[in-house]
Amino acid sequence: MTTDTSTIAVLLSPKTTLVVDIFRSLGDFEAAYDVGAIDVLEYRLTSATDGQTARAVVSDALLLGFALRNQRTAAPTPQPAWAMNTIGSRRASPDECAVLGLVAASKAGESALASVCARRLAVALDKTVSSLARDMGLRLEGAGMRIESRDWAPLLDARPAPPSGGETGGHRSAARS
């Protein structure tokens, strides 16, 4: 992401990388309907949580991913792909930050930030998308992964960053686990 004076690199936690990998692989899944790719990601997620929770996280992520793709508002068909990094990359793209911001904001009931995130993704923010994003946030929280809206808002220029009390900056770890 670019700001007035510099570029901010967003480094995801290992657990959050696993979740983002589900969204990263969704395009490949849709193109080839390769369920094996989703199974591999689910298995990798069991390193952070139990098998049942991993399946639920993957299921919620797939539902949200499909809803996001169905609510794209951009005019060209086919839709331009979102900028997603390779599976396993801990660096987050602006689109990946917007997806995580949407989940965090929806979970927190922050509709203004959720709207900013949806606009960044060229997605119509309807009740289905909001509900699925909220469910995803709650599921992640239940799996021990905290994704907070205050971590994403400064990156999306939606509102000012809260005072940090001595944080020296440079890189910001956007997700907590």
N, C-alpha and C. Protein backbone atom coordinates (compact mmCIF):
# COMPACT_ATOMS: atom_id res chain seq x y z
N MET A 1 0.85 -1.17 0.00
CA MET A 1 0.00 0.00 0.00
C MET A 1 0.89 1.23 0.00
N THR A 2 0.46 2.27 -0.65
CA THR A 2 1.25 3.48 -0.73
C THR A 2 0.58 4.57 0.09
N THR A 3 1.36 5.29 0.84
CA THR A 3 0.87 6.44 1.58
C THR A 3 1.52 7.67 0.98
N ASP A 4 1.27 8.84 1.57
CA ASP A 4 1.87 10.07 1.06
C ASP A 4 3.39 10.02 1.08
N THR A 5 3.96 9.36 2.08
CA THR A 5 5.41 9.44 2.25
C THR A 5 6.14 8.12 2.09
N SER A 6 5.45 7.00 2.14
CA SER A 6 6.17 5.73 2.10
C SER A 6 5.25 4.59 1.72
N THR A 7 5.85 3.42 1.64
CA THR A 7 5.11 2.21 1.40
C THR A 7 5.07 1.40 2.68
N ILE A 8 3.92 0.82 2.96
CA ILE A 8 3.75 0.00 4.15
C ILE A 8 3.68 -1.45 3.72
N ALA A 9 4.54 -2.27 4.28
CA ALA A 9 4.48 -3.70 4.02
C ALA A 9 3.73 -4.35 5.18
N VAL A 10 2.75 -5.16 4.85
CA VAL A 10 1.95 -5.81 5.87
C VAL A 10 2.39 -7.26 5.95
N LEU A 11 2.85 -7.65 7.11
CA LEU A 11 3.29 -9.01 7.35
C LEU A 11 2.24 -9.73 8.19
N LEU A 12 1.69 -10.80 7.64
CA LEU A 12 0.65 -11.57 8.32
C LEU A 12 1.26 -12.54 9.32
N SER A 13 0.52 -12.83 10.38
CA SER A 13 0.96 -13.87 11.30
C SER A 13 0.85 -15.21 10.58
N PRO A 14 1.57 -16.22 11.04
CA PRO A 14 1.46 -17.54 10.39
C PRO A 14 0.03 -18.08 10.36
N LYS A 15 -0.73 -17.90 11.44
CA LYS A 15 -2.12 -18.38 11.45
C LYS A 15 -2.97 -17.63 10.45
N THR A 16 -2.80 -16.32 10.37
CA THR A 16 -3.59 -15.54 9.43
C THR A 16 -3.20 -15.86 8.00
N THR A 17 -1.94 -16.16 7.77
CA THR A 17 -1.50 -16.57 6.44
C THR A 17 -2.27 -17.81 5.99
N LEU A 18 -2.48 -18.74 6.90
CA LEU A 18 -3.24 -19.95 6.56
C LEU A 18 -4.66 -19.60 6.11
N VAL A 19 -5.28 -18.65 6.79
CA VAL A 19 -6.64 -18.24 6.44
C VAL A 19 -6.64 -17.53 5.09
N VAL A 20 -5.71 -16.60 4.89
CA VAL A 20 -5.63 -15.88 3.62
C VAL A 20 -5.36 -16.85 2.47
N ASP A 21 -4.60 -17.91 2.73
CA ASP A 21 -4.33 -18.91 1.70
C ASP A 21 -5.61 -19.54 1.15
N ILE A 22 -6.63 -19.64 1.97
CA ILE A 22 -7.91 -20.19 1.50
C ILE A 22 -8.48 -19.27 0.43
N PHE A 23 -8.46 -17.96 0.69
CA PHE A 23 -8.96 -17.00 -0.30
C PHE A 23 -8.05 -16.98 -1.53
N ARG A 24 -6.75 -17.11 -1.31
CA ARG A 24 -5.81 -17.13 -2.43
C ARG A 24 -6.09 -18.31 -3.37
N SER A 25 -6.45 -19.42 -2.82
CA SER A 25 -6.65 -20.62 -3.63
C SER A 25 -8.04 -20.70 -4.24
N LEU A 26 -8.94 -19.82 -3.84
CA LEU A 26 -10.31 -19.89 -4.33
C LEU A 26 -10.39 -19.76 -5.85
N GLY A 27 -9.59 -18.87 -6.43
CA GLY A 27 -9.61 -18.71 -7.88
C GLY A 27 -9.18 -19.99 -8.59
N ASP A 28 -8.14 -20.65 -8.08
CA ASP A 28 -7.70 -21.91 -8.66
C ASP A 28 -8.77 -22.98 -8.49
N PHE A 29 -9.41 -22.99 -7.35
CA PHE A 29 -10.47 -23.96 -7.09
C PHE A 29 -11.62 -23.78 -8.08
N GLU A 30 -12.03 -22.52 -8.28
CA GLU A 30 -13.13 -22.25 -9.21
C GLU A 30 -12.77 -22.64 -10.64
N ALA A 31 -11.52 -22.41 -11.03
CA ALA A 31 -11.09 -22.71 -12.40
C ALA A 31 -11.04 -24.20 -12.68
N ALA A 32 -10.56 -24.99 -11.73
CA ALA A 32 -10.36 -26.42 -11.98
C ALA A 32 -11.22 -27.32 -11.09
N TYR A 33 -11.95 -26.74 -10.16
CA TYR A 33 -12.73 -27.51 -9.18
C TYR A 33 -11.89 -28.60 -8.54
N ASP A 34 -10.68 -28.18 -8.15
CA ASP A 34 -9.73 -29.10 -7.51
C ASP A 34 -9.95 -29.08 -6.00
N VAL A 35 -10.78 -29.98 -5.52
CA VAL A 35 -11.09 -30.06 -4.10
C VAL A 35 -9.84 -30.42 -3.31
N GLY A 36 -8.90 -31.11 -3.92
CA GLY A 36 -7.66 -31.48 -3.25
C GLY A 36 -6.90 -30.26 -2.73
N ALA A 37 -6.93 -29.16 -3.48
CA ALA A 37 -6.24 -27.95 -3.04
C ALA A 37 -6.86 -27.41 -1.76
N ILE A 38 -8.16 -27.47 -1.67
CA ILE A 38 -8.86 -27.02 -0.46
C ILE A 38 -8.57 -27.96 0.69
N ASP A 39 -8.52 -29.26 0.40
CA ASP A 39 -8.20 -30.24 1.45
C ASP A 39 -6.80 -30.01 2.03
N VAL A 40 -5.85 -29.66 1.17
CA VAL A 40 -4.48 -29.38 1.64
C VAL A 40 -4.48 -28.17 2.57
N LEU A 41 -5.21 -27.14 2.19
CA LEU A 41 -5.28 -25.95 3.04
C LEU A 41 -5.96 -26.25 4.37
N GLU A 42 -7.01 -27.05 4.32
CA GLU A 42 -7.68 -27.45 5.56
C GLU A 42 -6.72 -28.22 6.47
N TYR A 43 -5.96 -29.12 5.88
CA TYR A 43 -4.98 -29.89 6.65
C TYR A 43 -3.93 -28.96 7.27
N ARG A 44 -3.44 -27.99 6.49
CA ARG A 44 -2.47 -27.03 7.01
C ARG A 44 -3.05 -26.23 8.17
N LEU A 45 -4.33 -25.90 8.09
CA LEU A 45 -4.98 -25.13 9.14
C LEU A 45 -5.08 -25.92 10.44
N THR A 46 -5.07 -27.25 10.35
CA THR A 46 -5.11 -28.05 11.58
C THR A 46 -3.84 -27.89 12.41
N SER A 47 -2.81 -27.28 11.84
CA SER A 47 -1.62 -26.98 12.65
C SER A 47 -1.91 -25.86 13.64
N ALA A 48 -2.97 -25.08 13.38
CA ALA A 48 -3.32 -23.97 14.25
C ALA A 48 -4.56 -24.24 15.09
N THR A 49 -5.34 -25.25 14.72
CA THR A 49 -6.59 -25.53 15.43
C THR A 49 -6.97 -26.99 15.20
N ASP A 50 -8.05 -27.43 15.80
CA ASP A 50 -8.48 -28.82 15.63
C ASP A 50 -9.14 -29.03 14.26
N GLY A 51 -9.30 -30.28 13.86
CA GLY A 51 -9.81 -30.62 12.54
C GLY A 51 -11.21 -30.11 12.27
N GLN A 52 -12.10 -30.22 13.23
CA GLN A 52 -13.47 -29.76 13.05
C GLN A 52 -13.52 -28.24 12.85
N THR A 53 -12.76 -27.53 13.64
CA THR A 53 -12.72 -26.07 13.50
C THR A 53 -12.08 -25.69 12.17
N ALA A 54 -11.04 -26.39 11.76
CA ALA A 54 -10.40 -26.12 10.48
C ALA A 54 -11.40 -26.29 9.34
N ARG A 55 -12.19 -27.36 9.37
CA ARG A 55 -13.21 -27.56 8.33
C ARG A 55 -14.23 -26.43 8.33
N ALA A 56 -14.63 -25.99 9.53
CA ALA A 56 -15.60 -24.91 9.63
C ALA A 56 -15.04 -23.60 9.10
N VAL A 57 -13.76 -23.30 9.40
CA VAL A 57 -13.12 -22.09 8.91
C VAL A 57 -13.05 -22.12 7.38
N VAL A 58 -12.64 -23.26 6.83
CA VAL A 58 -12.56 -23.39 5.37
C VAL A 58 -13.95 -23.22 4.74
N SER A 59 -14.95 -23.85 5.34
CA SER A 59 -16.31 -23.74 4.82
C SER A 59 -16.79 -22.29 4.83
N ASP A 60 -16.58 -21.59 5.94
CA ASP A 60 -16.99 -20.19 6.02
C ASP A 60 -16.23 -19.33 5.03
N ALA A 61 -14.94 -19.59 4.87
CA ALA A 61 -14.13 -18.82 3.92
C ALA A 61 -14.59 -19.04 2.49
N LEU A 62 -14.92 -20.27 2.15
CA LEU A 62 -15.41 -20.56 0.80
C LEU A 62 -16.74 -19.85 0.54
N LEU A 63 -17.65 -19.91 1.51
CA LEU A 63 -18.93 -19.23 1.34
C LEU A 63 -18.74 -17.73 1.15
N LEU A 64 -17.89 -17.14 1.99
CA LEU A 64 -17.62 -15.71 1.87
C LEU A 64 -16.94 -15.40 0.54
N GLY A 65 -15.97 -16.21 0.15
CA GLY A 65 -15.29 -15.98 -1.12
C GLY A 65 -16.23 -16.02 -2.31
N PHE A 66 -17.13 -17.00 -2.33
CA PHE A 66 -18.11 -17.08 -3.42
C PHE A 66 -19.06 -15.89 -3.39
N ALA A 67 -19.49 -15.48 -2.19
CA ALA A 67 -20.38 -14.32 -2.09
C ALA A 67 -19.68 -13.06 -2.58
N LEU A 68 -18.42 -12.88 -2.21
CA LEU A 68 -17.67 -11.71 -2.68
C LEU A 68 -17.58 -11.70 -4.20
N ARG A 69 -17.28 -12.84 -4.78
CA ARG A 69 -17.17 -12.90 -6.24
C ARG A 69 -18.52 -12.64 -6.92
N ASN A 70 -19.62 -13.10 -6.30
CA ASN A 70 -20.94 -12.89 -6.88
C ASN A 70 -21.43 -11.46 -6.76
N GLN A 71 -20.85 -10.68 -5.85
CA GLN A 71 -21.28 -9.31 -5.63
C GLN A 71 -20.33 -8.28 -6.24
N ARG A 72 -19.45 -8.72 -7.12
CA ARG A 72 -18.52 -7.78 -7.77
C ARG A 72 -19.31 -6.73 -8.53
N THR A 73 -18.90 -5.48 -8.43
CA THR A 73 -19.62 -4.37 -9.06
C THR A 73 -18.91 -3.80 -10.28
N ALA A 74 -17.68 -4.22 -10.54
CA ALA A 74 -16.93 -3.69 -11.68
C ALA A 74 -17.62 -4.09 -12.98
N ALA A 75 -17.59 -3.22 -13.98
CA ALA A 75 -18.30 -3.43 -15.23
C ALA A 75 -17.72 -4.51 -16.13
N PRO A 76 -16.40 -4.63 -16.31
CA PRO A 76 -15.91 -5.59 -17.29
C PRO A 76 -16.22 -7.03 -16.91
N THR A 77 -16.48 -7.82 -17.95
CA THR A 77 -16.70 -9.25 -17.74
C THR A 77 -15.72 -9.98 -18.63
N PRO A 78 -14.93 -10.90 -18.17
CA PRO A 78 -14.88 -11.36 -16.79
C PRO A 78 -14.22 -10.32 -15.89
N GLN A 79 -14.50 -10.43 -14.62
CA GLN A 79 -13.98 -9.48 -13.64
C GLN A 79 -12.45 -9.60 -13.55
N PRO A 80 -11.76 -8.48 -13.36
CA PRO A 80 -10.32 -8.56 -13.13
C PRO A 80 -10.06 -9.27 -11.80
N ALA A 81 -9.01 -10.03 -11.77
CA ALA A 81 -8.68 -10.79 -10.56
C ALA A 81 -8.22 -9.84 -9.46
N TRP A 82 -8.51 -10.23 -8.23
CA TRP A 82 -7.96 -9.49 -7.10
C TRP A 82 -6.47 -9.79 -7.02
N ALA A 83 -5.70 -8.85 -6.53
CA ALA A 83 -4.27 -9.05 -6.35
C ALA A 83 -4.06 -9.93 -5.12
N MET A 84 -3.64 -11.15 -5.36
CA MET A 84 -3.39 -12.10 -4.28
C MET A 84 -1.97 -12.62 -4.43
N ASN A 85 -1.29 -12.73 -3.31
CA ASN A 85 0.06 -13.27 -3.32
C ASN A 85 0.00 -14.79 -3.41
N THR A 86 1.16 -15.40 -3.58
CA THR A 86 1.22 -16.85 -3.69
C THR A 86 0.89 -17.50 -2.34
N ILE A 87 0.37 -18.70 -2.42
CA ILE A 87 0.05 -19.45 -1.21
C ILE A 87 1.30 -19.59 -0.36
N GLY A 88 1.14 -19.30 0.93
CA GLY A 88 2.24 -19.40 1.87
C GLY A 88 2.97 -18.09 2.12
N SER A 89 2.75 -17.09 1.27
CA SER A 89 3.41 -15.80 1.46
C SER A 89 2.83 -15.11 2.69
N ARG A 90 3.70 -14.60 3.53
CA ARG A 90 3.24 -13.86 4.72
C ARG A 90 2.99 -12.40 4.41
N ARG A 91 3.40 -11.94 3.26
CA ARG A 91 3.16 -10.55 2.86
C ARG A 91 1.74 -10.44 2.31
N ALA A 92 1.02 -9.43 2.74
CA ALA A 92 -0.37 -9.24 2.32
C ALA A 92 -0.48 -8.18 1.23
N SER A 93 -1.27 -8.47 0.23
CA SER A 93 -1.56 -7.48 -0.82
C SER A 93 -2.65 -6.54 -0.31
N PRO A 94 -2.84 -5.39 -0.97
CA PRO A 94 -3.93 -4.50 -0.57
C PRO A 94 -5.30 -5.18 -0.63
N ASP A 95 -5.52 -6.04 -1.62
CA ASP A 95 -6.81 -6.74 -1.71
C ASP A 95 -6.97 -7.74 -0.55
N GLU A 96 -5.89 -8.40 -0.18
CA GLU A 96 -5.95 -9.33 0.96
C GLU A 96 -6.22 -8.56 2.25
N CYS A 97 -5.62 -7.39 2.39
CA CYS A 97 -5.90 -6.55 3.56
C CYS A 97 -7.37 -6.13 3.58
N ALA A 98 -7.92 -5.82 2.41
CA ALA A 98 -9.32 -5.41 2.34
C ALA A 98 -10.25 -6.56 2.73
N VAL A 99 -9.93 -7.79 2.31
CA VAL A 99 -10.75 -8.95 2.71
C VAL A 99 -10.70 -9.13 4.22
N LEU A 100 -9.50 -9.10 4.80
CA LEU A 100 -9.38 -9.26 6.24
C LEU A 100 -10.02 -8.08 6.99
N GLY A 101 -9.90 -6.89 6.43
CA GLY A 101 -10.55 -5.72 7.02
C GLY A 101 -12.06 -5.86 7.01
N LEU A 102 -12.60 -6.38 5.92
CA LEU A 102 -14.04 -6.61 5.81
C LEU A 102 -14.51 -7.59 6.89
N VAL A 103 -13.76 -8.67 7.07
CA VAL A 103 -14.10 -9.67 8.08
C VAL A 103 -14.05 -9.03 9.48
N ALA A 104 -12.97 -8.32 9.77
CA ALA A 104 -12.81 -7.71 11.09
C ALA A 104 -13.88 -6.66 11.36
N ALA A 105 -14.15 -5.81 10.38
CA ALA A 105 -15.14 -4.76 10.56
C ALA A 105 -16.54 -5.33 10.70
N SER A 106 -16.85 -6.34 9.92
CA SER A 106 -18.18 -6.96 10.02
C SER A 106 -18.37 -7.62 11.37
N LYS A 107 -17.33 -8.28 11.86
CA LYS A 107 -17.40 -8.91 13.19
C LYS A 107 -17.63 -7.86 14.26
N ALA A 108 -16.99 -6.71 14.12
CA ALA A 108 -17.08 -5.65 15.12
C ALA A 108 -18.32 -4.77 14.94
N GLY A 109 -19.08 -4.99 13.88
CA GLY A 109 -20.26 -4.17 13.62
C GLY A 109 -19.93 -2.77 13.13
N GLU A 110 -18.75 -2.60 12.52
CA GLU A 110 -18.31 -1.31 12.01
C GLU A 110 -18.65 -1.22 10.52
N SER A 111 -19.87 -0.80 10.24
CA SER A 111 -20.35 -0.80 8.86
C SER A 111 -19.60 0.18 7.96
N ALA A 112 -19.14 1.31 8.50
CA ALA A 112 -18.40 2.27 7.66
C ALA A 112 -17.10 1.65 7.17
N LEU A 113 -16.35 1.01 8.05
CA LEU A 113 -15.11 0.36 7.63
C LEU A 113 -15.39 -0.82 6.71
N ALA A 114 -16.42 -1.59 6.99
CA ALA A 114 -16.79 -2.70 6.11
C ALA A 114 -17.10 -2.19 4.71
N SER A 115 -17.78 -1.05 4.62
CA SER A 115 -18.10 -0.46 3.32
C SER A 115 -16.85 -0.03 2.57
N VAL A 116 -15.89 0.56 3.29
CA VAL A 116 -14.62 0.96 2.66
C VAL A 116 -13.92 -0.27 2.09
N CYS A 117 -13.87 -1.34 2.87
CA CYS A 117 -13.22 -2.58 2.42
C CYS A 117 -13.92 -3.16 1.21
N ALA A 118 -15.24 -3.16 1.24
CA ALA A 118 -16.01 -3.69 0.10
C ALA A 118 -15.75 -2.86 -1.15
N ARG A 119 -15.71 -1.54 -1.00
CA ARG A 119 -15.43 -0.68 -2.16
C ARG A 119 -14.05 -0.97 -2.72
N ARG A 120 -13.06 -1.20 -1.84
CA ARG A 120 -11.71 -1.52 -2.31
C ARG A 120 -11.70 -2.79 -3.15
N LEU A 121 -12.62 -3.70 -2.85
CA LEU A 121 -12.71 -4.97 -3.58
C LEU A 121 -13.71 -4.89 -4.74
N ALA A 122 -14.33 -3.73 -4.95
CA ALA A 122 -15.37 -3.55 -5.96
C ALA A 122 -16.50 -4.56 -5.74
N VAL A 123 -16.95 -4.63 -4.49
CA VAL A 123 -17.99 -5.57 -4.08
C VAL A 123 -19.15 -4.79 -3.50
N ALA A 124 -20.38 -5.18 -3.86
CA ALA A 124 -21.56 -4.59 -3.24
C ALA A 124 -21.72 -5.22 -1.86
N LEU A 125 -21.74 -4.38 -0.85
CA LEU A 125 -21.87 -4.87 0.53
C LEU A 125 -23.35 -5.02 0.85
N ASP A 126 -23.86 -6.23 0.68
CA ASP A 126 -25.25 -6.51 1.00
C ASP A 126 -25.34 -7.29 2.30
N LYS A 127 -26.54 -7.67 2.70
CA LYS A 127 -26.73 -8.39 3.96
C LYS A 127 -26.03 -9.74 3.94
N THR A 128 -26.01 -10.41 2.80
CA THR A 128 -25.36 -11.73 2.71
C THR A 128 -23.87 -11.61 2.94
N VAL A 129 -23.22 -10.70 2.24
CA VAL A 129 -21.78 -10.52 2.39
C VAL A 129 -21.46 -10.11 3.83
N SER A 130 -22.21 -9.16 4.37
CA SER A 130 -21.97 -8.71 5.75
C SER A 130 -22.11 -9.85 6.74
N SER A 131 -23.16 -10.64 6.57
CA SER A 131 -23.41 -11.76 7.48
C SER A 131 -22.33 -12.83 7.38
N LEU A 132 -21.94 -13.17 6.16
CA LEU A 132 -20.90 -14.18 5.97
C LEU A 132 -19.55 -13.69 6.50
N ALA A 133 -19.25 -12.41 6.30
CA ALA A 133 -17.99 -11.85 6.81
C ALA A 133 -18.01 -11.85 8.34
N ARG A 134 -19.13 -11.51 8.93
CA ARG A 134 -19.26 -11.54 10.40
C ARG A 134 -19.08 -12.96 10.91
N ASP A 135 -19.75 -13.91 10.27
CA ASP A 135 -19.62 -15.32 10.67
C ASP A 135 -18.18 -15.79 10.58
N MET A 136 -17.49 -15.36 9.52
CA MET A 136 -16.09 -15.74 9.34
C MET A 136 -15.25 -15.17 10.48
N GLY A 137 -15.48 -13.93 10.83
CA GLY A 137 -14.76 -13.31 11.93
C GLY A 137 -15.00 -14.01 13.25
N LEU A 138 -16.24 -14.37 13.51
CA LEU A 138 -16.57 -15.09 14.74
C LEU A 138 -15.94 -16.48 14.75
N ARG A 139 -15.95 -17.13 13.60
CA ARG A 139 -15.35 -18.47 13.50
C ARG A 139 -13.84 -18.39 13.76
N LEU A 140 -13.20 -17.40 13.18
CA LEU A 140 -11.76 -17.23 13.41
C LEU A 140 -11.47 -16.94 14.88
N GLU A 141 -12.30 -16.11 15.47
CA GLU A 141 -12.13 -15.81 16.89
C GLU A 141 -12.28 -17.09 17.72
N GLY A 142 -13.26 -17.93 17.38
CA GLY A 142 -13.46 -19.20 18.06
C GLY A 142 -12.29 -20.15 17.87
N ALA A 143 -11.56 -19.98 16.77
CA ALA A 143 -10.40 -20.81 16.49
C ALA A 143 -9.13 -20.24 17.12
N GLY A 144 -9.27 -19.15 17.86
CA GLY A 144 -8.12 -18.56 18.53
C GLY A 144 -7.35 -17.55 17.70
N MET A 145 -7.95 -17.05 16.62
CA MET A 145 -7.30 -16.07 15.75
C MET A 145 -8.04 -14.75 15.84
N ARG A 146 -7.38 -13.77 16.42
CA ARG A 146 -8.00 -12.45 16.57
C ARG A 146 -7.62 -11.57 15.39
N ILE A 147 -8.62 -11.11 14.69
CA ILE A 147 -8.42 -10.15 13.61
C ILE A 147 -9.26 -8.94 13.98
N GLU A 148 -8.60 -7.86 14.34
CA GLU A 148 -9.28 -6.68 14.87
C GLU A 148 -9.36 -5.57 13.83
N SER A 149 -10.49 -4.88 13.81
CA SER A 149 -10.68 -3.80 12.84
C SER A 149 -9.67 -2.68 13.04
N ARG A 150 -9.25 -2.44 14.27
CA ARG A 150 -8.28 -1.35 14.51
C ARG A 150 -6.94 -1.64 13.82
N ASP A 151 -6.67 -2.91 13.51
CA ASP A 151 -5.43 -3.25 12.83
C ASP A 151 -5.49 -2.93 11.34
N TRP A 152 -6.70 -2.95 10.76
CA TRP A 152 -6.85 -2.78 9.32
C TRP A 152 -7.24 -1.37 8.94
N ALA A 153 -7.97 -0.66 9.77
CA ALA A 153 -8.44 0.68 9.43
C ALA A 153 -7.32 1.63 9.01
N PRO A 154 -6.19 1.69 9.73
CA PRO A 154 -5.14 2.62 9.30
C PRO A 154 -4.58 2.27 7.92
N LEU A 155 -4.55 1.01 7.58
CA LEU A 155 -4.02 0.61 6.28
C LEU A 155 -4.96 0.97 5.15
N LEU A 156 -6.24 1.08 5.46
CA LEU A 156 -7.25 1.37 4.45
C LEU A 156 -7.65 2.84 4.44
N ASP A 157 -6.96 3.66 5.23
CA ASP A 157 -7.24 5.09 5.33
C ASP A 157 -8.70 5.37 5.67
N ALA A 158 -9.32 4.47 6.43
CA ALA A 158 -10.72 4.65 6.79
C ALA A 158 -10.89 5.55 8.00
N ARG A 159 -9.90 5.56 8.86
CA ARG A 159 -9.94 6.41 10.05
C ARG A 159 -8.52 6.48 10.58
N PRO A 160 -8.23 7.43 11.43
CA PRO A 160 -6.86 7.55 11.91
C PRO A 160 -6.46 6.38 12.79
N ALA A 161 -5.17 6.09 12.79
CA ALA A 161 -4.64 5.02 13.64
C ALA A 161 -4.71 5.46 15.09
N PRO A 162 -5.04 4.54 16.00
CA PRO A 162 -5.06 4.91 17.42
C PRO A 162 -3.65 5.17 17.91
N PRO A 163 -3.50 5.96 18.98
CA PRO A 163 -2.16 6.20 19.52
C PRO A 163 -1.50 4.90 19.90
N SER A 164 -0.22 4.78 19.60
CA SER A 164 0.46 3.50 19.82
C SER A 164 1.25 3.45 21.11
N GLY A 165 1.52 4.56 21.70
CA GLY A 165 2.25 4.56 22.97
C GLY A 165 3.67 4.05 22.84
N GLY A 166 4.41 4.57 21.88
CA GLY A 166 5.82 4.22 21.80
C GLY A 166 6.18 3.22 20.73
N GLU A 167 5.27 2.86 19.86
CA GLU A 167 5.61 1.94 18.78
C GLU A 167 6.55 2.64 17.82
N THR A 168 7.62 1.98 17.46
CA THR A 168 8.63 2.62 16.63
C THR A 168 8.36 2.50 15.15
N GLY A 169 7.47 1.64 14.72
CA GLY A 169 7.03 1.61 13.34
C GLY A 169 7.93 0.87 12.40
N GLY A 170 7.74 1.16 11.10
CA GLY A 170 8.42 0.44 10.05
C GLY A 170 7.45 -0.57 9.46
N HIS A 171 7.36 -1.71 10.07
CA HIS A 171 6.41 -2.73 9.65
C HIS A 171 5.39 -2.89 10.75
N ARG A 172 4.19 -3.25 10.36
CA ARG A 172 3.11 -3.43 11.32
C ARG A 172 2.58 -4.84 11.11
N SER A 173 2.51 -5.61 12.15
CA SER A 173 1.91 -6.93 12.06
C SER A 173 0.41 -6.74 12.19
N ALA A 174 -0.31 -6.95 11.10
CA ALA A 174 -1.70 -6.59 11.05
C ALA A 174 -2.62 -7.59 11.73
N ALA A 175 -2.25 -8.81 11.85
CA ALA A 175 -3.15 -9.79 12.45
C ALA A 175 -2.50 -10.35 13.70
N ARG A 176 -3.33 -10.67 14.65
CA ARG A 176 -2.84 -11.21 15.91
C ARG A 176 -3.30 -12.64 16.04
N SER A 177 -2.48 -13.44 16.67
CA SER A 177 -2.90 -14.81 16.90
C SER A 177 -2.49 -15.25 18.28
